[in-house]
Amino acid sequence: RALRAGVRLSPPSLRYYPAYLEARRRIEGREGPAVVARWLESAA
């Protein structure tokens, strides 16, 4: 229950894997890795 609520309230930078965010940037032609999300993924 808590995770469902947390998912709904989380911004994309925290909710989604960095690999997904970077894939969207790649497709849209934007550069730059998801630095904050990558750090959080490593910490997790």
All heavy atoms as atom14 arrays in JSON, in Angstrom:
{
  "sequence": "RALRAGVRLSPPSLRYYPAYLEARRRIEGREGPAVVARWLESAA",
  "atom14_mask": [
    [1, 1, 1, 1, 1, 1, 1, 1, 1, 1, 1, 0, 0, 0],
    [1, 1, 1, 1, 1, 0, 0, 0, 0, 0, 0, 0, 0, 0],
    [1, 1, 1, 1, 1, 1, 1, 1, 0, 0, 0, 0, 0, 0],
    [1, 1, 1, 1, 1, 1, 1, 1, 1, 1, 1, 0, 0, 0],
    [1, 1, 1, 1, 1, 0, 0, 0, 0, 0, 0, 0, 0, 0],
    [1, 1, 1, 1, 0, 0, 0, 0, 0, 0, 0, 0, 0, 0],
    [1, 1, 1, 1, 1, 1, 1, 0, 0, 0, 0, 0, 0, 0],
    [1, 1, 1, 1, 1, 1, 1, 1, 1, 1, 1, 0, 0, 0],
    [1, 1, 1, 1, 1, 1, 1, 1, 0, 0, 0, 0, 0, 0],
    [1, 1, 1, 1, 1, 1, 0, 0, 0, 0, 0, 0, 0, 0],
    [1, 1, 1, 1, 1, 1, 1, 0, 0, 0, 0, 0, 0, 0],
    [1, 1, 1, 1, 1, 1, 1, 0, 0, 0, 0, 0, 0, 0],
    [1, 1, 1, 1, 1, 1, 0, 0, 0, 0, 0, 0, 0, 0],
    [1, 1, 1, 1, 1, 1, 1, 1, 0, 0, 0, 0, 0, 0],
    [1, 1, 1, 1, 1, 1, 1, 1, 1, 1, 1, 0, 0, 0],
    [1, 1, 1, 1, 1, 1, 1, 1, 1, 1, 1, 1, 0, 0],
    [1, 1, 1, 1, 1, 1, 1, 1, 1, 1, 1, 1, 0, 0],
    [1, 1, 1, 1, 1, 1, 1, 0, 0, 0, 0, 0, 0, 0],
    [1, 1, 1, 1, 1, 0, 0, 0, 0, 0, 0, 0, 0, 0],
    [1, 1, 1, 1, 1, 1, 1, 1, 1, 1, 1, 1, 0, 0],
    [1, 1, 1, 1, 1, 1, 1, 1, 0, 0, 0, 0, 0, 0],
    [1, 1, 1, 1, 1, 1, 1, 1, 1, 0, 0, 0, 0, 0],
    [1, 1, 1, 1, 1, 0, 0, 0, 0, 0, 0, 0, 0, 0],
    [1, 1, 1, 1, 1, 1, 1, 1, 1, 1, 1, 0, 0, 0],
    [1, 1, 1, 1, 1, 1, 1, 1, 1, 1, 1, 0, 0, 0],
    [1, 1, 1, 1, 1, 1, 1, 1, 1, 1, 1, 0, 0, 0],
    [1, 1, 1, 1, 1, 1, 1, 1, 0, 0, 0, 0, 0, 0],
    [1, 1, 1, 1, 1, 1, 1, 1, 1, 0, 0, 0, 0, 0],
    [1, 1, 1, 1, 0, 0, 0, 0, 0, 0, 0, 0, 0, 0],
    [1, 1, 1, 1, 1, 1, 1, 1, 1, 1, 1, 0, 0, 0],
    [1, 1, 1, 1, 1, 1, 1, 1, 1, 0, 0, 0, 0, 0],
    [1, 1, 1, 1, 0, 0, 0, 0, 0, 0, 0, 0, 0, 0],
    [1, 1, 1, 1, 1, 1, 1, 0, 0, 0, 0, 0, 0, 0],
    [1, 1, 1, 1, 1, 0, 0, 0, 0, 0, 0, 0, 0, 0],
    [1, 1, 1, 1, 1, 1, 1, 0, 0, 0, 0, 0, 0, 0],
    [1, 1, 1, 1, 1, 1, 1, 0, 0, 0, 0, 0, 0, 0],
    [1, 1, 1, 1, 1, 0, 0, 0, 0, 0, 0, 0, 0, 0],
    [1, 1, 1, 1, 1, 1, 1, 1, 1, 1, 1, 0, 0, 0],
    [1, 1, 1, 1, 1, 1, 1, 1, 1, 1, 1, 1, 1, 1],
    [1, 1, 1, 1, 1, 1, 1, 1, 0, 0, 0, 0, 0, 0],
    [1, 1, 1, 1, 1, 1, 1, 1, 1, 0, 0, 0, 0, 0],
    [1, 1, 1, 1, 1, 1, 0, 0, 0, 0, 0, 0, 0, 0],
    [1, 1, 1, 1, 1, 0, 0, 0, 0, 0, 0, 0, 0, 0],
    [1, 1, 1, 1, 1, 0, 0, 0, 0, 0, 0, 0, 0, 0]
  ],
  "atom14_positions": [
    [[0.84, -1.21, 0.0], [0.0, 0.0, 0.0], [0.87, 1.26, 0.0], [0.6, 2.21, -0.74], [-0.93, 0.0, 1.22], [-2.07, -1.0, 1.15], [-3.14, -0.69, 2.19], [-2.6, -0.74, 3.55], [-2.6, -1.84, 4.31], [-3.08, -2.98, 3.82], [-2.12, -1.79, 5.54], [0.0, 0.0, 0.0], [0.0, 0.0, 0.0], [0.0, 0.0, 0.0]],
    [[1.91, 1.25, 0.83], [2.79, 2.42, 0.9], [3.53, 2.62, -0.41], [3.71, 3.77, -0.87], [3.79, 2.24, 2.05], [0.0, 0.0, 0.0], [0.0, 0.0, 0.0], [0.0, 0.0, 0.0], [0.0, 0.0, 0.0], [0.0, 0.0, 0.0], [0.0, 0.0, 0.0], [0.0, 0.0, 0.0], [0.0, 0.0, 0.0], [0.0, 0.0, 0.0]],
    [[3.97, 1.54, -1.03], [4.68, 1.66, -2.3], [3.77, 2.2, -3.4], [4.21, 3.0, -4.24], [5.26, 0.31, -2.71], [6.44, -0.2, -1.88], [6.79, -1.63, -2.25], [7.66, 0.71, -2.05], [0.0, 0.0, 0.0], [0.0, 0.0, 0.0], [0.0, 0.0, 0.0], [0.0, 0.0, 0.0], [0.0, 0.0, 0.0], [0.0, 0.0, 0.0]],
    [[2.51, 1.77, -3.42], [1.57, 2.3, -4.42], [1.43, 3.8, -4.27], [1.44, 4.54, -5.26], [0.2, 1.63, -4.27], [0.11, 0.27, -4.92], [-1.35, -0.16, -5.1], [-2.05, -0.29, -3.84], [-2.08, -1.39, -3.1], [-1.44, -2.47, -3.52], [-2.74, -1.43, -1.96], [0.0, 0.0, 0.0], [0.0, 0.0, 0.0], [0.0, 0.0, 0.0]],
    [[1.31, 4.27, -3.04], [1.2, 5.71, -2.81], [2.49, 6.41, -3.19], [2.47, 7.48, -3.82], [0.86, 5.98, -1.34], [0.0, 0.0, 0.0], [0.0, 0.0, 0.0], [0.0, 0.0, 0.0], [0.0, 0.0, 0.0], [0.0, 0.0, 0.0], [0.0, 0.0, 0.0], [0.0, 0.0, 0.0], [0.0, 0.0, 0.0], [0.0, 0.0, 0.0]],
    [[3.62, 5.82, -2.84], [4.91, 6.43, -3.16], [5.15, 6.53, -4.64], [5.68, 7.54, -5.14], [0.0, 0.0, 0.0], [0.0, 0.0, 0.0], [0.0, 0.0, 0.0], [0.0, 0.0, 0.0], [0.0, 0.0, 0.0], [0.0, 0.0, 0.0], [0.0, 0.0, 0.0], [0.0, 0.0, 0.0], [0.0, 0.0, 0.0], [0.0, 0.0, 0.0]],
    [[4.77, 5.51, -5.39], [4.94, 5.52, -6.85], [4.15, 6.66, -7.46], [4.64, 7.39, -8.33], [4.53, 4.15, -7.45], [4.35, 4.27, -8.96], [5.56, 3.1, -7.13], [0.0, 0.0, 0.0], [0.0, 0.0, 0.0], [0.0, 0.0, 0.0], [0.0, 0.0, 0.0], [0.0, 0.0, 0.0], [0.0, 0.0, 0.0], [0.0, 0.0, 0.0]],
    [[2.92, 6.83, -7.02], [2.07, 7.88, -7.6], [2.63, 9.27, -7.32], [2.48, 10.19, -8.14], [0.65, 7.78, -7.04], [-0.15, 6.6, -7.57], [-1.63, 6.76, -7.24], [-1.85, 6.77, -5.81], [-2.11, 5.68, -5.08], [-2.15, 4.5, -5.67], [-2.33, 5.78, -3.78], [0.0, 0.0, 0.0], [0.0, 0.0, 0.0], [0.0, 0.0, 0.0]],
    [[3.29, 9.44, -6.18], [3.77, 10.77, -5.78], [5.18, 11.07, -6.27], [5.63, 12.21, -6.2], [3.72, 10.89, -4.25], [2.33, 10.84, -3.62], [2.44, 10.79, -2.1], [1.49, 12.03, -4.06], [0.0, 0.0, 0.0], [0.0, 0.0, 0.0], [0.0, 0.0, 0.0], [0.0, 0.0, 0.0], [0.0, 0.0, 0.0], [0.0, 0.0, 0.0]],
    [[5.9, 10.07, -6.77], [7.31, 10.26, -7.13], [7.45, 10.95, -8.48], [6.73, 10.63, -9.43], [8.02, 8.91, -7.2], [8.05, 8.29, -5.94], [0.0, 0.0, 0.0], [0.0, 0.0, 0.0], [0.0, 0.0, 0.0], [0.0, 0.0, 0.0], [0.0, 0.0, 0.0], [0.0, 0.0, 0.0], [0.0, 0.0, 0.0], [0.0, 0.0, 0.0]],
    [[8.39, 11.89, -8.6], [8.66, 12.5, -9.91], [9.37, 11.49, -10.82], [9.96, 10.52, -10.33], [9.6, 13.66, -9.56], [10.29, 13.22, -8.32], [9.27, 12.42, -7.55], [0.0, 0.0, 0.0], [0.0, 0.0, 0.0], [0.0, 0.0, 0.0], [0.0, 0.0, 0.0], [0.0, 0.0, 0.0], [0.0, 0.0, 0.0], [0.0, 0.0, 0.0]],
    [[9.31, 11.68, -12.13], [9.93, 10.73, -13.05], [11.4, 10.47, -12.76], [11.88, 9.35, -12.94], [9.75, 11.4, -14.42], [8.53, 12.25, -14.27], [8.58, 12.75, -12.85], [0.0, 0.0, 0.0], [0.0, 0.0, 0.0], [0.0, 0.0, 0.0], [0.0, 0.0, 0.0], [0.0, 0.0, 0.0], [0.0, 0.0, 0.0], [0.0, 0.0, 0.0]],
    [[12.14, 11.48, -12.29], [13.57, 11.31, -12.04], [13.84, 10.3, -10.94], [14.93, 9.72, -10.88], [14.21, 12.65, -11.67], [13.6, 13.19, -10.51], [0.0, 0.0, 0.0], [0.0, 0.0, 0.0], [0.0, 0.0, 0.0], [0.0, 0.0, 0.0], [0.0, 0.0, 0.0], [0.0, 0.0, 0.0], [0.0, 0.0, 0.0], [0.0, 0.0, 0.0]],
    [[12.87, 10.07, -10.06], [13.02, 9.09, -8.99], [12.23, 7.82, -9.27], [12.63, 6.73, -8.86], [12.55, 9.68, -7.65], [13.31, 10.91, -7.15], [12.73, 11.35, -5.81], [14.79, 10.61, -7.01], [0.0, 0.0, 0.0], [0.0, 0.0, 0.0], [0.0, 0.0, 0.0], [0.0, 0.0, 0.0], [0.0, 0.0, 0.0], [0.0, 0.0, 0.0]],
    [[11.12, 7.96, -9.97], [10.23, 6.82, -10.19], [10.78, 5.83, -11.2], [10.6, 4.62, -11.04], [8.87, 7.33, -10.66], [7.9, 6.23, -11.02], [6.52, 6.77, -11.32], [5.62, 5.74, -11.82], [4.33, 5.91, -12.04], [3.77, 7.09, -11.8], [3.59, 4.92, -12.49], [0.0, 0.0, 0.0], [0.0, 0.0, 0.0], [0.0, 0.0, 0.0]],
    [[11.46, 6.34, -12.24], [11.87, 5.48, -13.35], [13.36, 5.17, -13.31], [14.17, 5.98, -12.83], [11.52, 6.13, -14.68], [10.05, 6.43, -14.85], [9.62, 7.67, -15.33], [9.09, 5.49, -14.51], [8.27, 7.95, -15.48], [7.73, 5.77, -14.65], [7.33, 7.0, -15.14], [6.0, 7.28, -15.27], [0.0, 0.0, 0.0], [0.0, 0.0, 0.0]],
    [[13.72, 4.01, -13.84], [15.13, 3.63, -13.93], [15.89, 4.63, -14.8], [15.39, 5.1, -15.83], [15.28, 2.25, -14.55], [15.02, 1.09, -13.61], [14.0, 0.19, -13.88], [15.81, 0.89, -12.48], [13.76, -0.9, -13.04], [15.58, -0.18, -11.64], [14.55, -1.07, -11.92], [14.33, -2.13, -11.09], [0.0, 0.0, 0.0], [0.0, 0.0, 0.0]],
    [[17.15, 4.94, -14.43], [17.97, 5.82, -15.26], [18.1, 5.32, -16.7], [18.15, 6.12, -17.63], [19.32, 5.81, -14.54], [18.98, 5.52, -13.13], [17.82, 4.58, -13.17], [0.0, 0.0, 0.0], [0.0, 0.0, 0.0], [0.0, 0.0, 0.0], [0.0, 0.0, 0.0], [0.0, 0.0, 0.0], [0.0, 0.0, 0.0], [0.0, 0.0, 0.0]],
    [[18.16, 4.0, -16.89], [18.31, 3.47, -18.26], [17.12, 3.87, -19.13], [17.29, 4.15, -20.33], [18.45, 1.95, -18.2], [0.0, 0.0, 0.0], [0.0, 0.0, 0.0], [0.0, 0.0, 0.0], [0.0, 0.0, 0.0], [0.0, 0.0, 0.0], [0.0, 0.0, 0.0], [0.0, 0.0, 0.0], [0.0, 0.0, 0.0], [0.0, 0.0, 0.0]],
    [[15.94, 3.91, -18.54], [14.75, 4.32, -19.29], [14.82, 5.82, -19.61], [14.55, 6.24, -20.74], [13.49, 4.02, -18.5], [12.26, 4.73, -19.02], [11.62, 4.29, -20.18], [11.74, 5.84, -18.36], [10.5, 4.94, -20.67], [10.61, 6.5, -18.84], [9.99, 6.04, -20.0], [8.89, 6.7, -20.48], [0.0, 0.0, 0.0], [0.0, 0.0, 0.0]],
    [[15.18, 6.63, -18.61], [15.27, 8.08, -18.83], [16.31, 8.41, -19.88], [16.11, 9.29, -20.73], [15.61, 8.77, -17.51], [14.57, 8.61, -16.39], [15.09, 9.23, -15.1], [13.23, 9.22, -16.79], [0.0, 0.0, 0.0], [0.0, 0.0, 0.0], [0.0, 0.0, 0.0], [0.0, 0.0, 0.0], [0.0, 0.0, 0.0], [0.0, 0.0, 0.0]],
    [[17.43, 7.69, -19.85], [18.47, 7.92, -20.86], [18.01, 7.47, -22.24], [18.35, 8.08, -23.25], [19.75, 7.2, -20.44], [20.39, 7.82, -19.21], [21.56, 7.02, -18.67], [22.01, 6.09, -19.37], [22.01, 7.32, -17.55], [0.0, 0.0, 0.0], [0.0, 0.0, 0.0], [0.0, 0.0, 0.0], [0.0, 0.0, 0.0], [0.0, 0.0, 0.0]],
    [[17.21, 6.41, -22.3], [16.68, 5.96, -23.59], [15.74, 7.01, -24.17], [15.78, 7.27, -25.39], [15.94, 4.63, -23.41], [0.0, 0.0, 0.0], [0.0, 0.0, 0.0], [0.0, 0.0, 0.0], [0.0, 0.0, 0.0], [0.0, 0.0, 0.0], [0.0, 0.0, 0.0], [0.0, 0.0, 0.0], [0.0, 0.0, 0.0], [0.0, 0.0, 0.0]],
    [[14.92, 7.62, -23.33], [14.05, 8.68, -23.84], [14.86, 9.87, -24.34], [14.53, 10.46, -25.38], [13.09, 9.14, -22.72], [12.06, 8.1, -22.3], [11.22, 7.63, -23.48], [10.53, 8.72, -24.15], [9.23, 8.92, -24.09], [8.46, 8.13, -23.35], [8.66, 9.91, -24.76], [0.0, 0.0, 0.0], [0.0, 0.0, 0.0], [0.0, 0.0, 0.0]],
    [[15.92, 10.22, -23.62], [16.78, 11.31, -24.08], [17.42, 10.97, -25.42], [17.51, 11.81, -26.32], [17.87, 11.61, -23.05], [17.4, 12.3, -21.79], [18.59, 12.61, -20.87], [18.2, 13.44, -19.75], [17.72, 12.99, -18.6], [17.58, 11.68, -18.44], [17.37, 13.81, -17.64], [0.0, 0.0, 0.0], [0.0, 0.0, 0.0], [0.0, 0.0, 0.0]],
    [[17.86, 9.73, -25.56], [18.5, 9.3, -26.8], [17.54, 9.42, -27.98], [17.89, 9.94, -29.04], [18.97, 7.86, -26.66], [19.67, 7.3, -27.89], [20.07, 5.84, -27.69], [18.91, 4.95, -27.62], [18.59, 4.22, -26.56], [19.3, 4.27, -25.46], [17.53, 3.42, -26.6], [0.0, 0.0, 0.0], [0.0, 0.0, 0.0], [0.0, 0.0, 0.0]],
    [[16.32, 8.96, -27.8], [15.34, 8.99, -28.87], [14.97, 10.43, -29.24], [14.76, 10.76, -30.41], [14.09, 8.19, -28.46], [14.44, 6.71, -28.32], [12.96, 8.37, -29.47], [13.35, 5.89, -27.67], [0.0, 0.0, 0.0], [0.0, 0.0, 0.0], [0.0, 0.0, 0.0], [0.0, 0.0, 0.0], [0.0, 0.0, 0.0], [0.0, 0.0, 0.0]],
    [[14.92, 11.28, -28.23], [14.55, 12.68, -28.45], [15.73, 13.54, -28.88], [15.57, 14.74, -29.12], [13.93, 13.25, -27.17], [12.61, 12.57, -26.79], [12.2, 12.85, -25.36], [12.9, 13.66, -24.69], [11.19, 12.28, -24.91], [0.0, 0.0, 0.0], [0.0, 0.0, 0.0], [0.0, 0.0, 0.0], [0.0, 0.0, 0.0], [0.0, 0.0, 0.0]],
    [[16.92, 12.93, -28.95], [18.09, 13.67, -29.4], [18.69, 14.57, -28.36], [19.44, 15.5, -28.69], [0.0, 0.0, 0.0], [0.0, 0.0, 0.0], [0.0, 0.0, 0.0], [0.0, 0.0, 0.0], [0.0, 0.0, 0.0], [0.0, 0.0, 0.0], [0.0, 0.0, 0.0], [0.0, 0.0, 0.0], [0.0, 0.0, 0.0], [0.0, 0.0, 0.0]],
    [[18.37, 14.34, -27.09], [18.93, 15.14, -26.01], [20.06, 14.38, -25.36], [20.02, 13.17, -25.22], [17.85, 15.46, -24.96], [16.73, 16.32, -25.51], [15.76, 16.73, -24.42], [14.95, 15.61, -23.94], [14.9, 15.22, -22.69], [15.66, 15.81, -21.76], [14.13, 14.2, -22.32], [0.0, 0.0, 0.0], [0.0, 0.0, 0.0], [0.0, 0.0, 0.0]],
    [[21.08, 15.09, -24.91], [22.25, 14.47, -24.29], [22.18, 14.62, -22.79], [21.43, 15.43, -22.25], [23.55, 15.13, -24.81], [23.74, 14.99, -26.31], [23.93, 13.55, -26.74], [24.45, 12.75, -25.92], [23.55, 13.21, -27.86], [0.0, 0.0, 0.0], [0.0, 0.0, 0.0], [0.0, 0.0, 0.0], [0.0, 0.0, 0.0], [0.0, 0.0, 0.0]],
    [[23.0, 13.84, -22.1], [23.13, 13.98, -20.65], [22.49, 12.85, -19.91], [21.3, 12.58, -20.07], [0.0, 0.0, 0.0], [0.0, 0.0, 0.0], [0.0, 0.0, 0.0], [0.0, 0.0, 0.0], [0.0, 0.0, 0.0], [0.0, 0.0, 0.0], [0.0, 0.0, 0.0], [0.0, 0.0, 0.0], [0.0, 0.0, 0.0], [0.0, 0.0, 0.0]],
    [[23.28, 12.14, -19.08], [22.73, 11.03, -18.31], [21.89, 11.52, -17.14], [21.99, 12.66, -16.71], [23.99, 10.31, -17.81], [25.01, 11.4, -17.7], [24.72, 12.34, -18.85], [0.0, 0.0, 0.0], [0.0, 0.0, 0.0], [0.0, 0.0, 0.0], [0.0, 0.0, 0.0], [0.0, 0.0, 0.0], [0.0, 0.0, 0.0], [0.0, 0.0, 0.0]],
    [[21.07, 10.65, -16.63], [20.26, 10.95, -15.45], [21.13, 10.78, -14.21], [21.12, 9.75, -13.56], [19.05, 10.03, -15.4], [0.0, 0.0, 0.0], [0.0, 0.0, 0.0], [0.0, 0.0, 0.0], [0.0, 0.0, 0.0], [0.0, 0.0, 0.0], [0.0, 0.0, 0.0], [0.0, 0.0, 0.0], [0.0, 0.0, 0.0], [0.0, 0.0, 0.0]],
    [[21.9, 11.81, -13.88], [22.93, 11.69, -12.86], [22.34, 11.36, -11.49], [22.79, 10.44, -10.81], [23.76, 12.99, -12.78], [24.77, 12.88, -11.66], [24.44, 13.26, -14.1], [0.0, 0.0, 0.0], [0.0, 0.0, 0.0], [0.0, 0.0, 0.0], [0.0, 0.0, 0.0], [0.0, 0.0, 0.0], [0.0, 0.0, 0.0], [0.0, 0.0, 0.0]],
    [[21.31, 12.09, -11.07], [20.73, 11.87, -9.75], [20.13, 10.47, -9.67], [20.34, 9.73, -8.71], [19.66, 12.93, -9.44], [18.94, 12.6, -8.13], [20.31, 14.31, -9.35], [0.0, 0.0, 0.0], [0.0, 0.0, 0.0], [0.0, 0.0, 0.0], [0.0, 0.0, 0.0], [0.0, 0.0, 0.0], [0.0, 0.0, 0.0], [0.0, 0.0, 0.0]],
    [[19.37, 10.1, -10.7], [18.73, 8.78, -10.69], [19.77, 7.67, -10.73], [19.61, 6.63, -10.11], [17.77, 8.66, -11.86], [0.0, 0.0, 0.0], [0.0, 0.0, 0.0], [0.0, 0.0, 0.0], [0.0, 0.0, 0.0], [0.0, 0.0, 0.0], [0.0, 0.0, 0.0], [0.0, 0.0, 0.0], [0.0, 0.0, 0.0], [0.0, 0.0, 0.0]],
    [[20.85, 7.88, -11.48], [21.9, 6.86, -11.54], [22.54, 6.67, -10.17], [22.83, 5.54, -9.76], [22.96, 7.28, -12.57], [24.09, 6.3, -12.73], [23.63, 5.03, -13.41], [23.37, 5.24, -14.8], [22.79, 4.34, -15.59], [22.38, 3.2, -15.1], [22.57, 4.6, -16.87], [0.0, 0.0, 0.0], [0.0, 0.0, 0.0], [0.0, 0.0, 0.0]],
    [[22.75, 7.77, -9.46], [23.33, 7.65, -8.11], [22.37, 6.88, -7.19], [22.79, 6.02, -6.43], [23.59, 9.04, -7.53], [24.17, 8.99, -6.15], [25.48, 8.86, -5.8], [23.43, 9.04, -4.92], [25.59, 8.82, -4.42], [24.37, 8.93, -3.87], [22.08, 9.18, -4.62], [23.98, 8.96, -2.53], [21.69, 9.19, -3.29], [22.63, 9.09, -2.26]],
    [[21.08, 7.2, -7.28], [20.1, 6.51, -6.44], [20.01, 5.03, -6.79], [19.87, 4.18, -5.91], [18.73, 7.17, -6.6], [18.57, 8.54, -5.94], [17.26, 9.17, -6.37], [18.63, 8.42, -4.44], [0.0, 0.0, 0.0], [0.0, 0.0, 0.0], [0.0, 0.0, 0.0], [0.0, 0.0, 0.0], [0.0, 0.0, 0.0], [0.0, 0.0, 0.0]],
    [[20.11, 4.71, -8.08], [20.09, 3.31, -8.49], [21.29, 2.57, -7.9], [21.17, 1.45, -7.39], [20.11, 3.22, -10.01], [20.12, 1.8, -10.56], [20.26, 1.81, -12.06], [19.25, 1.9, -12.76], [21.41, 1.73, -12.54], [0.0, 0.0, 0.0], [0.0, 0.0, 0.0], [0.0, 0.0, 0.0], [0.0, 0.0, 0.0], [0.0, 0.0, 0.0]],
    [[22.46, 3.21, -7.94], [23.66, 2.59, -7.37], [23.52, 2.42, -5.86], [23.86, 1.38, -5.31], [24.89, 3.45, -7.68], [26.04, 2.95, -7.07], [0.0, 0.0, 0.0], [0.0, 0.0, 0.0], [0.0, 0.0, 0.0], [0.0, 0.0, 0.0], [0.0, 0.0, 0.0], [0.0, 0.0, 0.0], [0.0, 0.0, 0.0], [0.0, 0.0, 0.0]],
    [[22.95, 3.43, -5.19], [22.77, 3.35, -3.74], [21.79, 2.24, -3.39], [21.98, 1.51, -2.41], [22.27, 4.69, -3.2], [0.0, 0.0, 0.0], [0.0, 0.0, 0.0], [0.0, 0.0, 0.0], [0.0, 0.0, 0.0], [0.0, 0.0, 0.0], [0.0, 0.0, 0.0], [0.0, 0.0, 0.0], [0.0, 0.0, 0.0], [0.0, 0.0, 0.0]],
    [[20.72, 2.09, -4.18], [19.73, 1.05, -3.92], [20.35, -0.33, -4.1], [20.08, -1.25, -3.32], [18.53, 1.21, -4.85], [0.0, 0.0, 0.0], [0.0, 0.0, 0.0], [0.0, 0.0, 0.0], [0.0, 0.0, 0.0], [0.0, 0.0, 0.0], [0.0, 0.0, 0.0], [0.0, 0.0, 0.0], [0.0, 0.0, 0.0], [0.0, 0.0, 0.0]]
  ]
}
